[in-house]
Amino acid sequence: MPLERATVARVALAVLDEVGLDGLTVRRIADALGVQNPALYWHFKNKQDLLDRMAEVMLTDAYAERGPPAPDASWSETLTALAHLFHRALSSHRDGARVIASANLSGSETVGVLDSAIKTLQDAGFSALAALNATLTISAYTMGSVLDAQLDPYRAVDPRPEASGMLHGGVEAGQYPALAGALGEVARVSTGQDRTAAFEAGLQIILAGIGASLPAREP
């Protein structure tokens, strides 16, 4: 039976969850499908082509869960929904952010989603360039947030937001009092479950900055 491109991509995503991006090989994917390596090249020109399709599947799955956008959604609601949707896609598989970051998304539904977001911002009074920059800034922030979480070597040992890999083990309060105090406050209020609160706080800061750049409407 001929293999479907989407079927191969989903099997590749299952292999990705098992071995991570560094361990993902055409041989492993072929073994999981029960075929020889050359069979995959009937469907994909190379591994990059397969990664592009894997990213498209991840994004399509995330978009399928969002439901139709509200026709009267504000620009901030639109960008918030975009961030949450993108976050869901990036987090849906092991090393998902690395896969999507390395993919060519010009053939995915992302193009339509970005177009819709930019139009909403333009309707709210942003210039085309300001709308593009705002949308790409939200996307880049979300990508960076998930990449940081997925690449953190300590996340399985200590998932608390204040125990990120970069600062794991604590900061010397006598030498860096402001940073140590801020991390201590995070530890005090954190639920200890994930980095969702930190992501949402950063998102609100960015949205506030975008809102401050919106030209005042004529009375």
N, C-alpha and C. Protein backbone atom coordinates (compact mmCIF):
# COMPACT_ATOMS: atom_id res chain seq x y z
N MET A 1 0.85 -1.20 0.00
CA MET A 1 0.00 0.00 0.00
C MET A 1 0.88 1.24 0.00
N PRO A 2 0.66 2.20 -0.92
CA PRO A 2 1.48 3.41 -0.97
C PRO A 2 1.36 4.20 0.33
N LEU A 3 2.45 4.80 0.74
CA LEU A 3 2.45 5.59 1.95
C LEU A 3 1.95 7.00 1.65
N GLU A 4 1.15 7.54 2.56
CA GLU A 4 0.71 8.93 2.46
C GLU A 4 1.75 9.81 3.14
N ARG A 5 1.97 11.01 2.59
CA ARG A 5 2.94 11.92 3.19
C ARG A 5 2.58 12.24 4.64
N ALA A 6 1.28 12.46 4.89
CA ALA A 6 0.86 12.78 6.25
C ALA A 6 1.08 11.60 7.19
N THR A 7 0.90 10.39 6.69
CA THR A 7 1.12 9.19 7.52
C THR A 7 2.58 9.09 7.90
N VAL A 8 3.46 9.31 6.93
CA VAL A 8 4.89 9.26 7.22
C VAL A 8 5.26 10.33 8.24
N ALA A 9 4.70 11.53 8.07
CA ALA A 9 5.01 12.63 8.98
C ALA A 9 4.56 12.32 10.40
N ARG A 10 3.40 11.70 10.55
CA ARG A 10 2.90 11.38 11.89
C ARG A 10 3.73 10.27 12.54
N VAL A 11 4.16 9.30 11.75
CA VAL A 11 5.04 8.26 12.30
C VAL A 11 6.36 8.90 12.70
N ALA A 12 6.86 9.83 11.89
CA ALA A 12 8.10 10.53 12.22
C ALA A 12 7.96 11.31 13.52
N LEU A 13 6.78 11.90 13.74
CA LEU A 13 6.55 12.63 15.00
C LEU A 13 6.53 11.68 16.19
N ALA A 14 6.00 10.47 15.99
CA ALA A 14 6.02 9.48 17.07
C ALA A 14 7.44 9.06 17.39
N VAL A 15 8.26 8.91 16.36
CA VAL A 15 9.68 8.58 16.57
C VAL A 15 10.38 9.75 17.26
N LEU A 16 10.04 10.96 16.85
CA LEU A 16 10.61 12.16 17.47
C LEU A 16 10.35 12.17 18.97
N ASP A 17 9.13 11.82 19.37
CA ASP A 17 8.80 11.79 20.80
C ASP A 17 9.65 10.77 21.56
N GLU A 18 10.06 9.72 20.88
CA GLU A 18 10.86 8.68 21.53
C GLU A 18 12.34 9.04 21.62
N VAL A 19 12.91 9.60 20.56
CA VAL A 19 14.36 9.76 20.50
C VAL A 19 14.82 11.21 20.42
N GLY A 20 13.92 12.16 20.22
CA GLY A 20 14.32 13.55 20.08
C GLY A 20 14.84 13.85 18.68
N LEU A 21 15.01 15.13 18.39
CA LEU A 21 15.42 15.54 17.05
C LEU A 21 16.81 15.04 16.70
N ASP A 22 17.73 15.04 17.66
CA ASP A 22 19.09 14.60 17.37
C ASP A 22 19.15 13.12 17.02
N GLY A 23 18.20 12.34 17.54
CA GLY A 23 18.19 10.91 17.25
C GLY A 23 17.28 10.52 16.09
N LEU A 24 16.60 11.51 15.51
CA LEU A 24 15.66 11.22 14.43
C LEU A 24 16.43 10.98 13.12
N THR A 25 16.31 9.79 12.58
CA THR A 25 16.97 9.45 11.33
C THR A 25 15.96 8.82 10.37
N VAL A 26 16.29 8.88 9.09
CA VAL A 26 15.43 8.25 8.09
C VAL A 26 15.32 6.75 8.35
N ARG A 27 16.42 6.14 8.78
CA ARG A 27 16.40 4.71 9.06
C ARG A 27 15.40 4.38 10.17
N ARG A 28 15.41 5.18 11.24
CA ARG A 28 14.48 4.92 12.35
C ARG A 28 13.03 5.08 11.88
N ILE A 29 12.77 6.09 11.08
CA ILE A 29 11.41 6.30 10.59
C ILE A 29 10.99 5.15 9.68
N ALA A 30 11.90 4.73 8.81
CA ALA A 30 11.59 3.62 7.91
C ALA A 30 11.32 2.35 8.69
N ASP A 31 12.11 2.10 9.73
CA ASP A 31 11.91 0.91 10.56
C ASP A 31 10.53 0.95 11.23
N ALA A 32 10.15 2.14 11.70
CA ALA A 32 8.84 2.28 12.36
C ALA A 32 7.70 2.04 11.38
N LEU A 33 7.93 2.35 10.11
CA LEU A 33 6.91 2.15 9.07
C LEU A 33 6.97 0.74 8.48
N GLY A 34 8.06 0.02 8.77
CA GLY A 34 8.22 -1.32 8.20
C GLY A 34 8.59 -1.31 6.74
N VAL A 35 9.35 -0.28 6.32
CA VAL A 35 9.77 -0.19 4.92
C VAL A 35 11.28 0.03 4.87
N GLN A 36 11.84 -0.03 3.66
CA GLN A 36 13.24 0.26 3.45
C GLN A 36 13.44 1.78 3.30
N ASN A 37 14.62 2.25 3.63
CA ASN A 37 14.90 3.69 3.55
C ASN A 37 14.50 4.32 2.21
N PRO A 38 14.86 3.71 1.07
CA PRO A 38 14.56 4.35 -0.22
C PRO A 38 13.07 4.62 -0.44
N ALA A 39 12.21 3.86 0.24
CA ALA A 39 10.77 4.06 0.04
C ALA A 39 10.33 5.45 0.46
N LEU A 40 11.01 6.01 1.46
CA LEU A 40 10.61 7.34 1.94
C LEU A 40 10.92 8.41 0.92
N TYR A 41 11.95 8.20 0.12
CA TYR A 41 12.35 9.22 -0.84
C TYR A 41 11.44 9.28 -2.06
N TRP A 42 10.47 8.39 -2.14
CA TRP A 42 9.43 8.53 -3.14
C TRP A 42 8.46 9.64 -2.74
N HIS A 43 8.44 9.96 -1.47
CA HIS A 43 7.49 10.92 -0.93
C HIS A 43 8.15 12.22 -0.49
N PHE A 44 9.42 12.17 -0.12
CA PHE A 44 10.13 13.35 0.38
C PHE A 44 11.48 13.45 -0.32
N LYS A 45 11.81 14.65 -0.77
CA LYS A 45 13.06 14.84 -1.50
C LYS A 45 14.27 14.57 -0.61
N ASN A 46 14.15 14.96 0.67
CA ASN A 46 15.24 14.81 1.62
C ASN A 46 14.67 14.95 3.03
N LYS A 47 15.54 14.90 4.01
CA LYS A 47 15.07 14.97 5.39
C LYS A 47 14.44 16.33 5.70
N GLN A 48 14.97 17.39 5.11
CA GLN A 48 14.40 18.71 5.34
C GLN A 48 12.96 18.77 4.86
N ASP A 49 12.69 18.16 3.72
CA ASP A 49 11.32 18.11 3.20
C ASP A 49 10.41 17.39 4.19
N LEU A 50 10.91 16.34 4.81
CA LEU A 50 10.12 15.62 5.81
C LEU A 50 9.90 16.48 7.05
N LEU A 51 10.93 17.20 7.49
CA LEU A 51 10.78 18.08 8.65
C LEU A 51 9.74 19.17 8.38
N ASP A 52 9.74 19.69 7.16
CA ASP A 52 8.74 20.70 6.79
C ASP A 52 7.33 20.14 6.94
N ARG A 53 7.14 18.92 6.48
CA ARG A 53 5.83 18.28 6.56
C ARG A 53 5.46 17.98 8.01
N MET A 54 6.42 17.56 8.82
CA MET A 54 6.16 17.32 10.24
C MET A 54 5.68 18.61 10.92
N ALA A 55 6.35 19.72 10.61
CA ALA A 55 5.96 21.00 11.18
C ALA A 55 4.55 21.38 10.74
N GLU A 56 4.23 21.16 9.47
CA GLU A 56 2.90 21.47 8.97
C GLU A 56 1.83 20.66 9.71
N VAL A 57 2.11 19.39 9.98
CA VAL A 57 1.15 18.55 10.69
C VAL A 57 0.95 19.05 12.12
N MET A 58 2.04 19.41 12.79
CA MET A 58 1.94 19.93 14.15
C MET A 58 1.08 21.19 14.19
N LEU A 59 1.30 22.09 13.25
CA LEU A 59 0.56 23.33 13.22
C LEU A 59 -0.90 23.10 12.84
N THR A 60 -1.14 22.22 11.88
CA THR A 60 -2.51 21.91 11.47
C THR A 60 -3.31 21.34 12.64
N ASP A 61 -2.69 20.46 13.41
CA ASP A 61 -3.36 19.87 14.57
C ASP A 61 -3.72 20.95 15.59
N ALA A 62 -2.79 21.89 15.81
CA ALA A 62 -3.05 22.96 16.78
C ALA A 62 -4.15 23.88 16.27
N TYR A 63 -4.12 24.21 14.98
CA TYR A 63 -5.13 25.10 14.42
C TYR A 63 -6.51 24.46 14.45
N ALA A 64 -6.57 23.14 14.32
CA ALA A 64 -7.85 22.45 14.30
C ALA A 64 -8.58 22.57 15.64
N GLU A 65 -7.84 22.83 16.71
CA GLU A 65 -8.43 22.92 18.04
C GLU A 65 -8.90 24.34 18.39
N ARG A 66 -8.56 25.32 17.57
CA ARG A 66 -8.82 26.70 17.96
C ARG A 66 -10.26 27.13 17.76
N GLY A 67 -10.98 26.53 16.79
CA GLY A 67 -12.32 26.98 16.47
C GLY A 67 -12.27 28.25 15.64
N PRO A 68 -13.40 28.68 15.13
CA PRO A 68 -13.41 29.88 14.29
C PRO A 68 -13.12 31.13 15.12
N PRO A 69 -12.32 32.04 14.57
CA PRO A 69 -12.02 33.28 15.31
C PRO A 69 -13.27 34.14 15.46
N ALA A 70 -13.36 34.84 16.57
CA ALA A 70 -14.50 35.73 16.78
C ALA A 70 -14.43 36.89 15.80
N PRO A 71 -15.51 37.20 15.11
CA PRO A 71 -15.48 38.26 14.09
C PRO A 71 -15.17 39.63 14.67
N ASP A 72 -15.48 39.85 15.96
CA ASP A 72 -15.26 41.15 16.57
C ASP A 72 -14.08 41.14 17.54
N ALA A 73 -13.16 40.18 17.38
CA ALA A 73 -12.01 40.09 18.28
C ALA A 73 -11.13 41.32 18.15
N SER A 74 -10.65 41.83 19.27
CA SER A 74 -9.75 42.98 19.24
C SER A 74 -8.37 42.55 18.79
N TRP A 75 -7.51 43.51 18.49
CA TRP A 75 -6.15 43.17 18.05
C TRP A 75 -5.40 42.42 19.15
N SER A 76 -5.59 42.83 20.41
CA SER A 76 -4.88 42.16 21.51
C SER A 76 -5.40 40.74 21.72
N GLU A 77 -6.69 40.54 21.59
CA GLU A 77 -7.26 39.19 21.68
C GLU A 77 -6.76 38.32 20.54
N THR A 78 -6.61 38.91 19.36
CA THR A 78 -6.12 38.16 18.21
C THR A 78 -4.67 37.72 18.42
N LEU A 79 -3.83 38.62 18.91
CA LEU A 79 -2.43 38.27 19.14
C LEU A 79 -2.28 37.28 20.30
N THR A 80 -3.12 37.41 21.32
CA THR A 80 -3.10 36.46 22.43
C THR A 80 -3.46 35.07 21.94
N ALA A 81 -4.51 34.99 21.12
CA ALA A 81 -4.92 33.70 20.57
C ALA A 81 -3.82 33.12 19.69
N LEU A 82 -3.14 33.97 18.91
CA LEU A 82 -2.04 33.51 18.06
C LEU A 82 -0.92 32.93 18.92
N ALA A 83 -0.57 33.63 19.99
CA ALA A 83 0.50 33.15 20.87
C ALA A 83 0.13 31.81 21.49
N HIS A 84 -1.09 31.67 21.97
CA HIS A 84 -1.51 30.42 22.60
C HIS A 84 -1.55 29.28 21.59
N LEU A 85 -2.02 29.57 20.39
CA LEU A 85 -2.09 28.56 19.35
C LEU A 85 -0.68 28.08 18.96
N PHE A 86 0.22 29.03 18.76
CA PHE A 86 1.59 28.70 18.38
C PHE A 86 2.29 27.94 19.51
N HIS A 87 2.04 28.36 20.74
CA HIS A 87 2.62 27.69 21.91
C HIS A 87 2.16 26.23 21.96
N ARG A 88 0.89 26.01 21.67
CA ARG A 88 0.34 24.66 21.68
C ARG A 88 1.02 23.79 20.63
N ALA A 89 1.21 24.34 19.44
CA ALA A 89 1.86 23.58 18.37
C ALA A 89 3.31 23.26 18.71
N LEU A 90 4.04 24.24 19.18
CA LEU A 90 5.46 24.07 19.51
C LEU A 90 5.65 23.05 20.63
N SER A 91 4.71 23.02 21.56
CA SER A 91 4.83 22.14 22.73
C SER A 91 4.23 20.77 22.52
N SER A 92 3.66 20.51 21.36
CA SER A 92 2.89 19.28 21.16
C SER A 92 3.75 18.03 21.01
N HIS A 93 5.05 18.22 20.72
CA HIS A 93 5.94 17.07 20.56
C HIS A 93 7.32 17.41 21.13
N ARG A 94 8.03 16.39 21.50
CA ARG A 94 9.40 16.56 21.97
C ARG A 94 10.22 17.30 20.91
N ASP A 95 10.94 18.33 21.32
CA ASP A 95 11.75 19.14 20.40
C ASP A 95 10.90 19.76 19.30
N GLY A 96 9.61 19.95 19.58
CA GLY A 96 8.72 20.52 18.57
C GLY A 96 9.13 21.91 18.14
N ALA A 97 9.64 22.71 19.07
CA ALA A 97 10.05 24.06 18.72
C ALA A 97 11.23 24.03 17.75
N ARG A 98 12.15 23.11 17.95
CA ARG A 98 13.30 23.02 17.03
C ARG A 98 12.85 22.58 15.64
N VAL A 99 11.88 21.68 15.58
CA VAL A 99 11.38 21.22 14.28
C VAL A 99 10.74 22.39 13.53
N ILE A 100 9.86 23.11 14.21
CA ILE A 100 9.16 24.21 13.55
C ILE A 100 10.12 25.35 13.23
N ALA A 101 11.08 25.62 14.11
CA ALA A 101 12.04 26.69 13.86
C ALA A 101 12.89 26.42 12.62
N SER A 102 13.12 25.14 12.32
CA SER A 102 13.98 24.78 11.19
C SER A 102 13.20 24.53 9.91
N ALA A 103 11.87 24.67 9.97
CA ALA A 103 11.03 24.31 8.83
C ALA A 103 10.68 25.52 7.96
N ASN A 104 10.40 25.24 6.71
CA ASN A 104 9.85 26.23 5.79
C ASN A 104 8.33 26.14 5.90
N LEU A 105 7.72 27.18 6.45
CA LEU A 105 6.29 27.15 6.74
C LEU A 105 5.44 27.82 5.66
N SER A 106 6.04 28.14 4.53
CA SER A 106 5.31 28.86 3.50
C SER A 106 4.16 28.04 2.91
N GLY A 107 4.20 26.71 3.07
CA GLY A 107 3.12 25.88 2.56
C GLY A 107 2.13 25.46 3.62
N SER A 108 2.26 26.01 4.83
CA SER A 108 1.39 25.61 5.94
C SER A 108 0.27 26.62 6.15
N GLU A 109 -0.64 26.26 7.05
CA GLU A 109 -1.75 27.16 7.38
C GLU A 109 -1.29 28.40 8.12
N THR A 110 -0.03 28.42 8.54
CA THR A 110 0.51 29.57 9.26
C THR A 110 0.39 30.85 8.45
N VAL A 111 0.56 30.73 7.14
CA VAL A 111 0.49 31.92 6.28
C VAL A 111 -0.88 32.59 6.40
N GLY A 112 -1.94 31.80 6.34
CA GLY A 112 -3.28 32.36 6.47
C GLY A 112 -3.55 32.92 7.84
N VAL A 113 -3.02 32.26 8.88
CA VAL A 113 -3.23 32.74 10.25
C VAL A 113 -2.53 34.09 10.44
N LEU A 114 -1.30 34.21 9.94
CA LEU A 114 -0.58 35.47 10.07
C LEU A 114 -1.27 36.58 9.26
N ASP A 115 -1.75 36.24 8.08
CA ASP A 115 -2.44 37.22 7.24
C ASP A 115 -3.67 37.76 7.96
N SER A 116 -4.42 36.87 8.59
CA SER A 116 -5.62 37.28 9.31
C SER A 116 -5.27 38.18 10.49
N ALA A 117 -4.21 37.83 11.22
CA ALA A 117 -3.80 38.63 12.37
C ALA A 117 -3.36 40.02 11.94
N ILE A 118 -2.60 40.09 10.87
CA ILE A 118 -2.12 41.39 10.38
C ILE A 118 -3.29 42.26 9.93
N LYS A 119 -4.26 41.66 9.29
CA LYS A 119 -5.44 42.43 8.86
C LYS A 119 -6.20 42.99 10.05
N THR A 120 -6.33 42.19 11.11
CA THR A 120 -7.02 42.67 12.32
C THR A 120 -6.28 43.86 12.91
N LEU A 121 -4.96 43.80 12.95
CA LEU A 121 -4.19 44.92 13.49
C LEU A 121 -4.31 46.16 12.60
N GLN A 122 -4.30 45.96 11.30
CA GLN A 122 -4.46 47.10 10.40
C GLN A 122 -5.84 47.75 10.56
N ASP A 123 -6.86 46.92 10.74
CA ASP A 123 -8.21 47.45 10.95
C ASP A 123 -8.28 48.25 12.25
N ALA A 124 -7.40 47.90 13.21
CA ALA A 124 -7.39 48.61 14.50
C ALA A 124 -6.58 49.90 14.43
N GLY A 125 -5.89 50.15 13.32
CA GLY A 125 -5.16 51.40 13.17
C GLY A 125 -3.66 51.27 13.03
N PHE A 126 -3.13 50.05 13.10
CA PHE A 126 -1.70 49.86 12.92
C PHE A 126 -1.35 49.95 11.43
N SER A 127 -0.16 50.47 11.15
CA SER A 127 0.32 50.44 9.77
C SER A 127 0.64 49.01 9.39
N ALA A 128 0.82 48.76 8.10
CA ALA A 128 1.15 47.41 7.65
C ALA A 128 2.45 46.92 8.29
N LEU A 129 3.46 47.82 8.34
CA LEU A 129 4.75 47.42 8.92
C LEU A 129 4.63 47.17 10.41
N ALA A 130 3.91 48.04 11.12
CA ALA A 130 3.73 47.86 12.57
C ALA A 130 2.96 46.58 12.86
N ALA A 131 1.97 46.27 12.04
CA ALA A 131 1.19 45.04 12.23
C ALA A 131 2.06 43.81 12.01
N LEU A 132 2.90 43.86 10.97
CA LEU A 132 3.81 42.74 10.71
C LEU A 132 4.79 42.57 11.85
N ASN A 133 5.40 43.68 12.30
CA ASN A 133 6.38 43.59 13.38
C ASN A 133 5.75 43.06 14.67
N ALA A 134 4.54 43.50 14.98
CA ALA A 134 3.86 43.04 16.19
C ALA A 134 3.59 41.54 16.12
N THR A 135 3.13 41.08 14.98
CA THR A 135 2.80 39.66 14.81
C THR A 135 4.05 38.80 14.89
N LEU A 136 5.12 39.24 14.23
CA LEU A 136 6.36 38.47 14.26
C LEU A 136 7.01 38.50 15.64
N THR A 137 6.85 39.62 16.36
CA THR A 137 7.40 39.70 17.72
C THR A 137 6.71 38.70 18.64
N ILE A 138 5.40 38.61 18.55
CA ILE A 138 4.65 37.64 19.35
C ILE A 138 5.09 36.22 19.00
N SER A 139 5.26 35.94 17.71
CA SER A 139 5.67 34.60 17.28
C SER A 139 7.07 34.28 17.78
N ALA A 140 7.99 35.25 17.68
CA ALA A 140 9.37 35.02 18.12
C ALA A 140 9.44 34.82 19.63
N TYR A 141 8.67 35.61 20.38
CA TYR A 141 8.66 35.44 21.84
C TYR A 141 8.16 34.05 22.22
N THR A 142 7.10 33.62 21.57
CA THR A 142 6.54 32.30 21.87
C THR A 142 7.54 31.20 21.52
N MET A 143 8.16 31.32 20.36
CA MET A 143 9.17 30.35 19.95
C MET A 143 10.30 30.28 20.97
N GLY A 144 10.81 31.43 21.38
CA GLY A 144 11.92 31.46 22.33
C GLY A 144 11.55 30.87 23.67
N SER A 145 10.32 31.14 24.12
CA SER A 145 9.86 30.61 25.39
C SER A 145 9.83 29.09 25.40
N VAL A 146 9.27 28.51 24.33
CA VAL A 146 9.17 27.05 24.26
C VAL A 146 10.54 26.41 24.03
N LEU A 147 11.37 27.05 23.20
CA LEU A 147 12.73 26.53 22.99
C LEU A 147 13.49 26.48 24.31
N ASP A 148 13.38 27.54 25.10
CA ASP A 148 14.07 27.59 26.38
C ASP A 148 13.62 26.45 27.29
N ALA A 149 12.31 26.19 27.29
CA ALA A 149 11.79 25.11 28.13
C ALA A 149 12.22 23.73 27.63
N GLN A 150 12.18 23.54 26.31
CA GLN A 150 12.50 22.22 25.77
C GLN A 150 13.98 21.90 25.78
N LEU A 151 14.83 22.92 25.74
CA LEU A 151 16.27 22.70 25.73
C LEU A 151 16.87 22.70 27.13
N ASP A 152 16.07 23.04 28.14
CA ASP A 152 16.56 23.10 29.52
C ASP A 152 16.91 21.70 30.00
N PRO A 153 18.20 21.40 30.24
CA PRO A 153 18.58 20.04 30.65
C PRO A 153 18.11 19.67 32.05
N TYR A 154 17.67 20.67 32.84
CA TYR A 154 17.26 20.41 34.21
C TYR A 154 15.75 20.29 34.38
N ARG A 155 14.99 20.44 33.27
CA ARG A 155 13.54 20.51 33.41
C ARG A 155 12.93 19.25 34.00
N ALA A 156 13.54 18.08 33.71
CA ALA A 156 12.99 16.83 34.25
C ALA A 156 13.36 16.65 35.71
N VAL A 157 14.45 17.31 36.13
CA VAL A 157 14.90 17.19 37.52
C VAL A 157 14.14 18.14 38.43
N ASP A 158 13.99 19.37 37.95
CA ASP A 158 13.32 20.40 38.75
C ASP A 158 12.51 21.29 37.82
N PRO A 159 11.21 21.04 37.70
CA PRO A 159 10.39 21.77 36.73
C PRO A 159 9.95 23.16 37.19
N ARG A 160 10.38 23.61 38.36
CA ARG A 160 9.92 24.90 38.84
C ARG A 160 10.40 26.02 37.92
N PRO A 161 9.57 27.06 37.71
CA PRO A 161 9.97 28.16 36.82
C PRO A 161 11.26 28.84 37.25
N GLU A 162 11.52 28.93 38.56
CA GLU A 162 12.70 29.64 39.04
C GLU A 162 13.96 28.79 38.90
N ALA A 163 13.82 27.52 38.51
CA ALA A 163 14.97 26.62 38.42
C ALA A 163 15.33 26.34 36.98
N SER A 164 15.41 27.38 36.16
CA SER A 164 15.75 27.19 34.75
C SER A 164 17.19 26.72 34.63
N GLY A 165 17.51 26.08 33.52
CA GLY A 165 18.85 25.54 33.32
C GLY A 165 19.92 26.60 33.45
N MET A 166 19.67 27.81 32.92
CA MET A 166 20.67 28.85 32.92
C MET A 166 21.04 29.29 34.34
N LEU A 167 20.07 29.23 35.25
CA LEU A 167 20.30 29.70 36.62
C LEU A 167 20.13 28.59 37.64
N HIS A 168 20.15 27.35 37.18
CA HIS A 168 19.92 26.23 38.09
C HIS A 168 21.00 26.21 39.17
N GLY A 169 20.59 25.93 40.40
CA GLY A 169 21.53 25.90 41.50
C GLY A 169 21.50 27.18 42.30
N GLY A 170 20.77 28.19 41.83
CA GLY A 170 20.62 29.41 42.60
C GLY A 170 21.64 30.48 42.22
N VAL A 171 21.39 31.69 42.71
CA VAL A 171 22.23 32.85 42.45
C VAL A 171 22.70 33.40 43.79
N GLU A 172 23.96 33.78 43.87
CA GLU A 172 24.52 34.31 45.11
C GLU A 172 23.88 35.65 45.44
N ALA A 173 23.10 35.67 46.53
CA ALA A 173 22.34 36.87 46.88
C ALA A 173 23.24 38.04 47.22
N GLY A 174 24.40 37.76 47.83
CA GLY A 174 25.29 38.85 48.20
C GLY A 174 25.88 39.56 47.00
N GLN A 175 26.09 38.82 45.92
CA GLN A 175 26.69 39.39 44.72
C GLN A 175 25.66 39.93 43.74
N TYR A 176 24.49 39.26 43.68
CA TYR A 176 23.44 39.67 42.75
C TYR A 176 22.11 39.79 43.51
N PRO A 177 22.00 40.79 44.36
CA PRO A 177 20.83 40.87 45.25
C PRO A 177 19.50 41.05 44.51
N ALA A 178 19.49 41.87 43.46
CA ALA A 178 18.23 42.12 42.75
C ALA A 178 17.73 40.86 42.06
N LEU A 179 18.62 40.16 41.36
CA LEU A 179 18.23 38.95 40.65
C LEU A 179 17.84 37.86 41.64
N ALA A 180 18.60 37.69 42.70
CA ALA A 180 18.29 36.67 43.69
C ALA A 180 16.94 36.95 44.35
N GLY A 181 16.67 38.22 44.62
CA GLY A 181 15.39 38.57 45.23
C GLY A 181 14.23 38.28 44.31
N ALA A 182 14.41 38.59 43.02
CA ALA A 182 13.33 38.33 42.05
C ALA A 182 13.08 36.84 41.91
N LEU A 183 14.16 36.04 41.85
CA LEU A 183 13.99 34.59 41.75
C LEU A 183 13.34 34.03 43.00
N GLY A 184 13.67 34.62 44.14
CA GLY A 184 13.04 34.18 45.38
C GLY A 184 11.55 34.46 45.39
N GLU A 185 11.16 35.59 44.81
CA GLU A 185 9.74 35.92 44.72
C GLU A 185 9.02 34.94 43.81
N VAL A 186 9.66 34.57 42.69
CA VAL A 186 9.08 33.58 41.80
C VAL A 186 8.86 32.27 42.55
N ALA A 187 9.86 31.87 43.33
CA ALA A 187 9.75 30.62 44.09
C ALA A 187 8.61 30.69 45.10
N ARG A 188 8.40 31.89 45.66
CA ARG A 188 7.37 32.04 46.69
C ARG A 188 5.97 31.90 46.11
N VAL A 189 5.75 32.46 44.92
CA VAL A 189 4.40 32.47 44.37
C VAL A 189 4.16 31.35 43.37
N SER A 190 5.21 30.64 42.96
CA SER A 190 5.06 29.62 41.92
C SER A 190 4.25 28.44 42.40
N THR A 191 3.48 27.87 41.48
CA THR A 191 2.76 26.63 41.77
C THR A 191 3.67 25.43 41.65
N GLY A 192 4.84 25.61 41.02
CA GLY A 192 5.77 24.51 40.84
C GLY A 192 5.36 23.53 39.76
N GLN A 193 4.41 23.91 38.89
CA GLN A 193 3.92 22.97 37.89
C GLN A 193 4.58 23.18 36.53
N ASP A 194 4.63 24.40 36.04
CA ASP A 194 5.21 24.64 34.73
C ASP A 194 5.55 26.12 34.59
N ARG A 195 5.87 26.55 33.36
CA ARG A 195 6.27 27.93 33.14
C ARG A 195 5.15 28.75 32.52
N THR A 196 3.94 28.28 32.63
CA THR A 196 2.82 28.97 32.00
C THR A 196 2.67 30.39 32.51
N ALA A 197 2.77 30.57 33.82
CA ALA A 197 2.58 31.90 34.40
C ALA A 197 3.64 32.87 33.89
N ALA A 198 4.89 32.41 33.79
CA ALA A 198 5.96 33.27 33.30
C ALA A 198 5.73 33.64 31.84
N PHE A 199 5.27 32.67 31.04
CA PHE A 199 4.98 32.94 29.64
C PHE A 199 3.87 33.97 29.51
N GLU A 200 2.80 33.81 30.29
CA GLU A 200 1.67 34.73 30.21
C GLU A 200 2.07 36.13 30.66
N ALA A 201 2.92 36.21 31.69
CA ALA A 201 3.36 37.53 32.17
C ALA A 201 4.17 38.24 31.10
N GLY A 202 5.07 37.51 30.45
CA GLY A 202 5.85 38.12 29.38
C GLY A 202 4.99 38.54 28.21
N LEU A 203 3.99 37.73 27.89
CA LEU A 203 3.09 38.06 26.79
C LEU A 203 2.35 39.35 27.07
N GLN A 204 1.90 39.55 28.31
CA GLN A 204 1.18 40.77 28.65
C GLN A 204 2.08 42.00 28.55
N ILE A 205 3.36 41.84 28.90
CA ILE A 205 4.31 42.95 28.78
C ILE A 205 4.47 43.35 27.31
N ILE A 206 4.59 42.36 26.44
CA ILE A 206 4.76 42.64 25.01
C ILE A 206 3.50 43.29 24.45
N LEU A 207 2.34 42.78 24.82
CA LEU A 207 1.09 43.35 24.33
C LEU A 207 0.93 44.81 24.78
N ALA A 208 1.35 45.08 26.01
CA ALA A 208 1.27 46.46 26.50
C ALA A 208 2.17 47.37 25.66
N GLY A 209 3.36 46.88 25.32
CA GLY A 209 4.25 47.67 24.49
C GLY A 209 3.69 47.89 23.09
N ILE A 210 3.08 46.86 22.53
CA ILE A 210 2.47 47.00 21.21
C ILE A 210 1.32 48.01 21.27
N GLY A 211 0.52 47.91 22.31
CA GLY A 211 -0.60 48.84 22.46
C GLY A 211 -0.14 50.29 22.59
N ALA A 212 1.00 50.48 23.27
CA ALA A 212 1.51 51.84 23.45
C ALA A 212 1.96 52.47 22.13
N SER A 213 2.25 51.61 21.14
CA SER A 213 2.71 52.13 19.85
C SER A 213 1.55 52.42 18.88
N LEU A 214 0.34 52.09 19.29
CA LEU A 214 -0.83 52.30 18.42
C LEU A 214 -1.13 53.79 18.31
N PRO A 215 -1.14 54.33 17.11
CA PRO A 215 -1.43 55.77 16.96
C PRO A 215 -2.82 56.10 17.48
N ALA A 216 -2.93 57.27 18.09
CA ALA A 216 -4.23 57.70 18.60
C ALA A 216 -5.15 57.98 17.43
N ARG A 217 -6.39 57.53 17.54
CA ARG A 217 -7.38 57.78 16.49
C ARG A 217 -7.87 59.22 16.54
N GLU A 218 -8.22 59.73 15.39
CA GLU A 218 -8.78 61.08 15.33
C GLU A 218 -10.13 61.10 16.04
N PRO A 219 -10.43 62.15 16.83
CA PRO A 219 -11.73 62.21 17.50
C PRO A 219 -12.85 62.38 16.49
